Amino acid sequence: MVIRNLTPGDVEQSVNEMVKRIELAQIIMLPGGFSAGDEPDGSGKFIATMFRNPRIKEAVMKLLEQRDGLMLGICNGFQALIKLGLVPYGKIVDINVGCPTLTFNEIGRHISCMAQTKVVSSLSPWFSNVELGETHTVAFSMVRVDLWPRRI
């Protein structure tokens, strides 16, 4: 779905369409794609702002709490899940200084490697068929965002 935000009418139309689609969905997937420069306070914050709209928030919480729906966020989408509070709280909350956030890495360069992770909870349906204590190898990538324009 394309979010149109050039005019207040465009935003209202996008909100209405988004609510309709959420009411029909089983999963909401928020993609990445380097929108807004992939900056933690860029597109993740914009996506979170849209999802804080009272009608969208209500539709999302009904999906998650009453309809057993799922949400997945990749890249900017994961940033939005953090900014919304869905990770780690499982619900859309007002953010305060004690809430987790994402930031730049301190070494100032791209890191891409494999990391070992350990499953410590199977409460998520994504992990319902995984044994507690299992370890898995996952790809891990981190970039200092403010260097990107100079590298392109």
N, C-alpha and C. Protein backbone atom coordinates (compact mmCIF):
# COMPACT_ATOMS: atom_id res chain seq x y z
N MET A 1 0.84 -1.17 0.00
CA MET A 1 0.00 0.00 0.00
C MET A 1 0.89 1.24 0.00
N VAL A 2 0.56 2.20 -0.79
CA VAL A 2 1.28 3.46 -0.85
C VAL A 2 0.61 4.44 0.11
N ILE A 3 1.40 5.04 1.00
CA ILE A 3 0.89 6.07 1.90
C ILE A 3 1.04 7.41 1.19
N ARG A 4 -0.07 8.09 1.01
CA ARG A 4 -0.05 9.40 0.37
C ARG A 4 -0.16 10.46 1.46
N ASN A 5 0.79 11.41 1.43
CA ASN A 5 0.82 12.39 2.51
C ASN A 5 1.05 13.82 2.04
N LEU A 6 0.72 14.11 0.78
CA LEU A 6 0.94 15.46 0.27
C LEU A 6 -0.08 16.47 0.82
N THR A 7 -1.29 16.02 1.08
CA THR A 7 -2.33 16.90 1.61
C THR A 7 -3.03 16.20 2.78
N PRO A 8 -3.70 16.97 3.63
CA PRO A 8 -4.48 16.33 4.71
C PRO A 8 -5.51 15.33 4.17
N GLY A 9 -6.10 15.63 3.03
CA GLY A 9 -7.06 14.70 2.42
C GLY A 9 -6.39 13.40 2.01
N ASP A 10 -5.18 13.50 1.47
CA ASP A 10 -4.42 12.29 1.09
C ASP A 10 -4.14 11.43 2.32
N VAL A 11 -3.75 12.08 3.41
CA VAL A 11 -3.45 11.34 4.64
C VAL A 11 -4.71 10.64 5.15
N GLU A 12 -5.83 11.35 5.16
CA GLU A 12 -7.10 10.77 5.61
C GLU A 12 -7.48 9.57 4.75
N GLN A 13 -7.32 9.69 3.44
CA GLN A 13 -7.62 8.58 2.54
C GLN A 13 -6.69 7.39 2.83
N SER A 14 -5.43 7.65 3.08
CA SER A 14 -4.47 6.59 3.38
C SER A 14 -4.83 5.90 4.69
N VAL A 15 -5.22 6.68 5.69
CA VAL A 15 -5.62 6.11 6.98
C VAL A 15 -6.83 5.20 6.80
N ASN A 16 -7.84 5.66 6.08
CA ASN A 16 -9.04 4.86 5.84
C ASN A 16 -8.70 3.55 5.13
N GLU A 17 -7.86 3.63 4.11
CA GLU A 17 -7.47 2.43 3.36
C GLU A 17 -6.67 1.48 4.24
N MET A 18 -5.80 2.03 5.06
CA MET A 18 -4.97 1.21 5.93
C MET A 18 -5.84 0.45 6.94
N VAL A 19 -6.80 1.11 7.54
CA VAL A 19 -7.70 0.46 8.50
C VAL A 19 -8.46 -0.67 7.82
N LYS A 20 -8.99 -0.44 6.62
CA LYS A 20 -9.71 -1.49 5.88
C LYS A 20 -8.82 -2.70 5.65
N ARG A 21 -7.58 -2.44 5.23
CA ARG A 21 -6.66 -3.55 4.93
C ARG A 21 -6.26 -4.31 6.20
N ILE A 22 -6.05 -3.60 7.29
CA ILE A 22 -5.71 -4.27 8.55
C ILE A 22 -6.86 -5.15 9.00
N GLU A 23 -8.10 -4.67 8.85
CA GLU A 23 -9.27 -5.46 9.24
C GLU A 23 -9.40 -6.75 8.45
N LEU A 24 -8.80 -6.82 7.26
CA LEU A 24 -8.84 -8.02 6.42
C LEU A 24 -7.58 -8.88 6.55
N ALA A 25 -6.59 -8.39 7.27
CA ALA A 25 -5.28 -9.04 7.30
C ALA A 25 -5.15 -10.06 8.43
N GLN A 26 -4.21 -10.96 8.26
CA GLN A 26 -3.76 -11.86 9.32
C GLN A 26 -2.37 -11.46 9.80
N ILE A 27 -1.61 -10.85 8.90
CA ILE A 27 -0.24 -10.43 9.21
C ILE A 27 -0.03 -9.02 8.66
N ILE A 28 0.59 -8.17 9.46
CA ILE A 28 1.07 -6.87 8.97
C ILE A 28 2.58 -6.99 8.88
N MET A 29 3.11 -6.75 7.68
CA MET A 29 4.56 -6.80 7.48
C MET A 29 5.02 -5.41 7.09
N LEU A 30 5.90 -4.84 7.90
CA LEU A 30 6.47 -3.53 7.61
C LEU A 30 7.84 -3.74 6.99
N PRO A 31 8.01 -3.34 5.72
CA PRO A 31 9.25 -3.62 5.01
C PRO A 31 10.34 -2.60 5.29
N GLY A 32 11.51 -2.88 4.79
CA GLY A 32 12.63 -1.95 4.83
C GLY A 32 12.66 -1.18 3.53
N GLY A 33 13.84 -1.06 2.96
CA GLY A 33 13.95 -0.39 1.68
C GLY A 33 14.68 0.92 1.72
N PHE A 34 15.34 1.20 2.82
CA PHE A 34 16.17 2.40 2.94
C PHE A 34 15.38 3.69 2.77
N SER A 35 14.10 3.65 3.08
CA SER A 35 13.34 4.89 2.99
C SER A 35 13.85 5.87 4.04
N ALA A 36 13.86 7.13 3.72
CA ALA A 36 14.34 8.21 4.60
C ALA A 36 15.78 7.99 5.01
N GLY A 37 16.59 7.39 4.14
CA GLY A 37 18.01 7.21 4.42
C GLY A 37 18.30 6.13 5.43
N ASP A 38 17.30 5.36 5.81
CA ASP A 38 17.45 4.26 6.77
C ASP A 38 17.89 4.76 8.15
N GLU A 39 17.69 6.02 8.41
CA GLU A 39 18.08 6.60 9.69
C GLU A 39 17.08 6.17 10.76
N PRO A 40 17.56 5.76 11.96
CA PRO A 40 16.63 5.31 13.00
C PRO A 40 15.53 6.32 13.32
N ASP A 41 15.82 7.59 13.27
CA ASP A 41 14.77 8.57 13.54
C ASP A 41 14.12 9.08 12.26
N GLY A 42 14.32 8.39 11.14
CA GLY A 42 13.74 8.80 9.86
C GLY A 42 12.47 8.03 9.58
N SER A 43 12.55 7.06 8.69
CA SER A 43 11.35 6.37 8.24
C SER A 43 10.70 5.54 9.34
N GLY A 44 11.50 4.97 10.24
CA GLY A 44 10.90 4.22 11.36
C GLY A 44 9.98 5.11 12.17
N LYS A 45 10.40 6.34 12.37
CA LYS A 45 9.59 7.30 13.12
C LYS A 45 8.34 7.69 12.32
N PHE A 46 8.48 7.84 10.99
CA PHE A 46 7.33 8.18 10.16
C PHE A 46 6.30 7.05 10.19
N ILE A 47 6.76 5.81 10.02
CA ILE A 47 5.85 4.66 10.06
C ILE A 47 5.15 4.61 11.41
N ALA A 48 5.92 4.79 12.49
CA ALA A 48 5.34 4.76 13.84
C ALA A 48 4.29 5.85 14.00
N THR A 49 4.53 7.02 13.45
CA THR A 49 3.56 8.12 13.54
C THR A 49 2.25 7.72 12.87
N MET A 50 2.32 7.10 11.71
CA MET A 50 1.09 6.63 11.03
C MET A 50 0.35 5.62 11.89
N PHE A 51 1.09 4.68 12.49
CA PHE A 51 0.45 3.64 13.28
C PHE A 51 -0.07 4.13 14.62
N ARG A 52 0.31 5.33 15.03
CA ARG A 52 -0.22 5.93 16.25
C ARG A 52 -1.57 6.62 16.00
N ASN A 53 -1.95 6.78 14.75
CA ASN A 53 -3.28 7.31 14.46
C ASN A 53 -4.28 6.45 15.23
N PRO A 54 -5.22 7.06 15.97
CA PRO A 54 -6.12 6.27 16.82
C PRO A 54 -6.86 5.15 16.10
N ARG A 55 -7.31 5.40 14.87
CA ARG A 55 -8.04 4.34 14.14
C ARG A 55 -7.12 3.21 13.71
N ILE A 56 -5.92 3.55 13.27
CA ILE A 56 -4.96 2.52 12.87
C ILE A 56 -4.50 1.73 14.10
N LYS A 57 -4.19 2.44 15.17
CA LYS A 57 -3.77 1.79 16.42
C LYS A 57 -4.83 0.80 16.89
N GLU A 58 -6.09 1.23 16.88
CA GLU A 58 -7.19 0.35 17.30
C GLU A 58 -7.28 -0.90 16.40
N ALA A 59 -7.15 -0.71 15.09
CA ALA A 59 -7.22 -1.85 14.17
C ALA A 59 -6.05 -2.82 14.40
N VAL A 60 -4.86 -2.28 14.65
CA VAL A 60 -3.69 -3.12 14.91
C VAL A 60 -3.88 -3.91 16.21
N MET A 61 -4.33 -3.23 17.26
CA MET A 61 -4.47 -3.92 18.54
C MET A 61 -5.57 -4.99 18.48
N LYS A 62 -6.65 -4.74 17.73
CA LYS A 62 -7.67 -5.78 17.53
C LYS A 62 -7.08 -6.98 16.80
N LEU A 63 -6.27 -6.71 15.77
CA LEU A 63 -5.62 -7.79 15.03
C LEU A 63 -4.76 -8.64 15.97
N LEU A 64 -3.95 -7.98 16.78
CA LEU A 64 -3.01 -8.70 17.63
C LEU A 64 -3.68 -9.36 18.84
N GLU A 65 -4.63 -8.68 19.46
CA GLU A 65 -5.21 -9.17 20.72
C GLU A 65 -6.47 -10.00 20.55
N GLN A 66 -7.27 -9.71 19.53
CA GLN A 66 -8.56 -10.39 19.39
C GLN A 66 -8.61 -11.37 18.23
N ARG A 67 -7.76 -11.15 17.22
CA ARG A 67 -7.83 -11.97 16.02
C ARG A 67 -6.59 -12.84 15.85
N ASP A 68 -5.72 -12.85 16.85
CA ASP A 68 -4.53 -13.70 16.83
C ASP A 68 -3.63 -13.41 15.64
N GLY A 69 -3.57 -12.13 15.23
CA GLY A 69 -2.75 -11.73 14.10
C GLY A 69 -1.29 -11.56 14.49
N LEU A 70 -0.47 -11.32 13.49
CA LEU A 70 0.97 -11.18 13.68
C LEU A 70 1.48 -9.91 13.03
N MET A 71 2.61 -9.41 13.52
CA MET A 71 3.31 -8.29 12.88
C MET A 71 4.76 -8.68 12.72
N LEU A 72 5.34 -8.24 11.61
CA LEU A 72 6.73 -8.48 11.30
C LEU A 72 7.32 -7.19 10.77
N GLY A 73 8.50 -6.81 11.25
CA GLY A 73 9.17 -5.62 10.76
C GLY A 73 10.58 -5.94 10.34
N ILE A 74 10.94 -5.55 9.14
CA ILE A 74 12.28 -5.77 8.61
C ILE A 74 12.91 -4.41 8.33
N CYS A 75 14.13 -4.21 8.80
CA CYS A 75 14.88 -2.98 8.57
C CYS A 75 14.11 -1.79 9.11
N ASN A 76 13.65 -0.86 8.25
CA ASN A 76 12.87 0.28 8.73
C ASN A 76 11.62 -0.18 9.46
N GLY A 77 11.05 -1.29 9.03
CA GLY A 77 9.87 -1.84 9.70
C GLY A 77 10.16 -2.25 11.13
N PHE A 78 11.33 -2.82 11.37
CA PHE A 78 11.73 -3.17 12.74
C PHE A 78 11.94 -1.91 13.56
N GLN A 79 12.55 -0.89 12.95
CA GLN A 79 12.70 0.39 13.64
C GLN A 79 11.34 0.91 14.09
N ALA A 80 10.33 0.79 13.24
CA ALA A 80 8.99 1.24 13.58
C ALA A 80 8.42 0.42 14.74
N LEU A 81 8.64 -0.90 14.74
CA LEU A 81 8.14 -1.72 15.84
C LEU A 81 8.73 -1.27 17.18
N ILE A 82 10.02 -0.90 17.16
CA ILE A 82 10.67 -0.37 18.37
C ILE A 82 10.04 0.97 18.75
N LYS A 83 9.92 1.88 17.77
CA LYS A 83 9.37 3.22 18.04
C LYS A 83 7.93 3.16 18.53
N LEU A 84 7.17 2.15 18.12
CA LEU A 84 5.79 1.99 18.57
C LEU A 84 5.70 1.35 19.95
N GLY A 85 6.73 0.62 20.35
CA GLY A 85 6.67 -0.11 21.60
C GLY A 85 6.20 -1.54 21.41
N LEU A 86 5.80 -1.91 20.17
CA LEU A 86 5.37 -3.30 19.94
C LEU A 86 6.49 -4.26 20.29
N VAL A 87 7.73 -3.86 20.05
CA VAL A 87 8.90 -4.56 20.56
C VAL A 87 9.50 -3.61 21.58
N PRO A 88 9.56 -3.96 22.83
CA PRO A 88 9.37 -5.27 23.43
C PRO A 88 8.03 -5.47 24.14
N TYR A 89 7.14 -4.46 24.16
CA TYR A 89 5.96 -4.51 25.04
C TYR A 89 4.77 -5.27 24.47
N GLY A 90 4.73 -5.49 23.16
CA GLY A 90 3.61 -6.22 22.57
C GLY A 90 2.37 -5.37 22.34
N LYS A 91 2.49 -4.07 22.54
CA LYS A 91 1.38 -3.16 22.30
C LYS A 91 1.94 -1.79 21.95
N ILE A 92 1.11 -0.97 21.31
CA ILE A 92 1.52 0.37 20.95
C ILE A 92 1.43 1.23 22.21
N VAL A 93 2.56 1.80 22.60
CA VAL A 93 2.63 2.60 23.83
C VAL A 93 3.20 3.98 23.52
N ASP A 94 2.98 4.90 24.45
CA ASP A 94 3.63 6.21 24.36
C ASP A 94 5.08 6.03 24.75
N ILE A 95 5.97 6.60 23.97
CA ILE A 95 7.40 6.46 24.20
C ILE A 95 7.86 7.48 25.24
N ASN A 96 8.76 7.03 26.13
CA ASN A 96 9.39 7.93 27.09
C ASN A 96 10.88 7.64 27.11
N VAL A 97 11.63 8.37 27.91
CA VAL A 97 13.09 8.24 27.91
C VAL A 97 13.57 6.86 28.34
N GLY A 98 12.75 6.09 29.02
CA GLY A 98 13.15 4.76 29.45
C GLY A 98 12.89 3.67 28.42
N CYS A 99 12.28 4.02 27.29
CA CYS A 99 11.97 3.02 26.26
C CYS A 99 13.21 2.70 25.43
N PRO A 100 13.28 1.47 24.94
CA PRO A 100 14.41 1.12 24.06
C PRO A 100 14.34 1.89 22.75
N THR A 101 15.50 2.03 22.12
CA THR A 101 15.57 2.69 20.82
C THR A 101 16.74 2.12 20.04
N LEU A 102 16.86 2.50 18.80
CA LEU A 102 17.98 2.12 17.95
C LEU A 102 18.85 3.34 17.71
N THR A 103 20.13 3.12 17.53
CA THR A 103 21.03 4.24 17.30
C THR A 103 22.17 3.80 16.38
N PHE A 104 23.08 4.71 16.10
CA PHE A 104 24.22 4.43 15.24
C PHE A 104 25.19 3.49 15.94
N ASN A 105 25.92 2.68 15.18
CA ASN A 105 26.98 1.89 15.80
C ASN A 105 28.17 2.80 16.07
N GLU A 106 28.96 2.46 17.05
CA GLU A 106 30.03 3.34 17.51
C GLU A 106 31.30 3.27 16.66
N ILE A 107 31.50 2.22 15.87
CA ILE A 107 32.76 2.11 15.14
C ILE A 107 32.74 2.85 13.81
N GLY A 108 31.55 3.29 13.40
CA GLY A 108 31.46 4.13 12.21
C GLY A 108 31.66 3.42 10.89
N ARG A 109 31.44 2.13 10.84
CA ARG A 109 31.56 1.42 9.56
C ARG A 109 30.56 0.27 9.53
N HIS A 110 30.36 -0.25 8.32
CA HIS A 110 29.42 -1.34 8.12
C HIS A 110 29.95 -2.63 8.76
N ILE A 111 29.06 -3.34 9.40
CA ILE A 111 29.38 -4.65 9.94
C ILE A 111 28.38 -5.64 9.34
N SER A 112 28.87 -6.72 8.82
CA SER A 112 28.01 -7.77 8.31
C SER A 112 28.63 -9.10 8.69
N CYS A 113 27.93 -9.87 9.49
CA CYS A 113 28.49 -11.15 9.93
C CYS A 113 27.37 -12.09 10.34
N MET A 114 27.74 -13.28 10.67
CA MET A 114 26.79 -14.25 11.19
C MET A 114 26.88 -14.22 12.72
N ALA A 115 25.75 -14.38 13.38
CA ALA A 115 25.72 -14.36 14.84
C ALA A 115 24.94 -15.56 15.34
N GLN A 116 25.35 -16.08 16.47
CA GLN A 116 24.64 -17.17 17.11
C GLN A 116 23.58 -16.58 18.05
N THR A 117 22.35 -17.04 17.93
CA THR A 117 21.28 -16.61 18.81
C THR A 117 20.72 -17.81 19.55
N LYS A 118 20.18 -17.57 20.72
CA LYS A 118 19.63 -18.64 21.54
C LYS A 118 18.15 -18.35 21.76
N VAL A 119 17.31 -19.33 21.57
CA VAL A 119 15.87 -19.19 21.77
C VAL A 119 15.59 -19.28 23.27
N VAL A 120 15.05 -18.20 23.82
CA VAL A 120 14.78 -18.17 25.26
C VAL A 120 13.29 -18.12 25.57
N SER A 121 12.44 -18.01 24.53
CA SER A 121 11.01 -17.99 24.73
C SER A 121 10.33 -18.54 23.48
N SER A 122 9.26 -19.28 23.69
CA SER A 122 8.47 -19.77 22.56
C SER A 122 7.07 -19.16 22.59
N LEU A 123 6.93 -18.02 23.26
CA LEU A 123 5.63 -17.36 23.34
C LEU A 123 5.18 -16.81 22.00
N SER A 124 6.13 -16.43 21.15
CA SER A 124 5.79 -15.91 19.83
C SER A 124 5.43 -17.06 18.91
N PRO A 125 4.39 -16.89 18.09
CA PRO A 125 4.05 -17.95 17.13
C PRO A 125 5.18 -18.20 16.14
N TRP A 126 6.06 -17.21 15.92
CA TRP A 126 7.20 -17.40 15.04
C TRP A 126 8.13 -18.48 15.58
N PHE A 127 8.08 -18.72 16.90
CA PHE A 127 8.99 -19.69 17.53
C PHE A 127 8.23 -20.87 18.14
N SER A 128 6.99 -21.08 17.77
CA SER A 128 6.17 -22.11 18.41
C SER A 128 6.70 -23.53 18.18
N ASN A 129 7.44 -23.76 17.11
CA ASN A 129 7.98 -25.10 16.83
C ASN A 129 9.46 -25.20 17.12
N VAL A 130 9.98 -24.28 17.91
CA VAL A 130 11.41 -24.25 18.24
C VAL A 130 11.58 -24.64 19.70
N GLU A 131 12.59 -25.43 19.97
CA GLU A 131 12.87 -25.85 21.34
C GLU A 131 13.61 -24.75 22.10
N LEU A 132 13.20 -24.51 23.33
CA LEU A 132 13.91 -23.54 24.17
C LEU A 132 15.36 -23.98 24.34
N GLY A 133 16.26 -23.02 24.26
CA GLY A 133 17.68 -23.31 24.41
C GLY A 133 18.39 -23.60 23.11
N GLU A 134 17.64 -23.86 22.03
CA GLU A 134 18.27 -24.09 20.72
C GLU A 134 19.05 -22.86 20.31
N THR A 135 20.14 -23.08 19.60
CA THR A 135 20.87 -21.96 19.03
C THR A 135 20.72 -22.00 17.51
N HIS A 136 20.71 -20.82 16.92
CA HIS A 136 20.56 -20.69 15.48
C HIS A 136 21.53 -19.62 14.98
N THR A 137 22.00 -19.80 13.76
CA THR A 137 22.87 -18.81 13.14
C THR A 137 22.01 -17.89 12.28
N VAL A 138 22.18 -16.58 12.48
CA VAL A 138 21.41 -15.60 11.72
C VAL A 138 22.36 -14.55 11.14
N ALA A 139 21.96 -13.95 10.05
CA ALA A 139 22.75 -12.87 9.45
C ALA A 139 22.52 -11.60 10.26
N PHE A 140 23.56 -10.84 10.42
CA PHE A 140 23.53 -9.63 11.23
C PHE A 140 24.20 -8.52 10.44
N SER A 141 23.56 -7.37 10.34
CA SER A 141 24.15 -6.27 9.58
C SER A 141 23.88 -4.96 10.30
N MET A 142 24.88 -4.10 10.34
CA MET A 142 24.76 -2.83 11.02
C MET A 142 25.59 -1.80 10.25
N VAL A 143 25.05 -0.61 10.10
CA VAL A 143 25.72 0.42 9.32
C VAL A 143 25.65 1.74 10.07
N ARG A 144 26.72 2.51 9.96
CA ARG A 144 26.65 3.89 10.44
C ARG A 144 26.01 4.70 9.33
N VAL A 145 24.78 5.11 9.54
CA VAL A 145 23.95 5.68 8.49
C VAL A 145 24.50 6.97 7.92
N ASP A 146 25.08 7.83 8.73
CA ASP A 146 25.49 9.14 8.22
C ASP A 146 26.66 9.07 7.25
N LEU A 147 27.26 7.90 7.07
CA LEU A 147 28.35 7.75 6.10
C LEU A 147 27.84 7.38 4.71
N TRP A 148 26.60 6.91 4.60
CA TRP A 148 26.11 6.41 3.32
C TRP A 148 26.19 7.41 2.17
N PRO A 149 25.77 8.65 2.36
CA PRO A 149 25.79 9.55 1.20
C PRO A 149 27.21 9.73 0.64
N ARG A 150 28.22 9.64 1.46
CA ARG A 150 29.59 9.81 0.98
C ARG A 150 30.08 8.57 0.23
N ARG A 151 29.48 7.43 0.49
CA ARG A 151 29.93 6.18 -0.16
C ARG A 151 29.26 5.96 -1.49
N ILE A 152 28.14 6.57 -1.74
CA ILE A 152 27.37 6.30 -2.96
C ILE A 152 27.98 7.05 -4.13
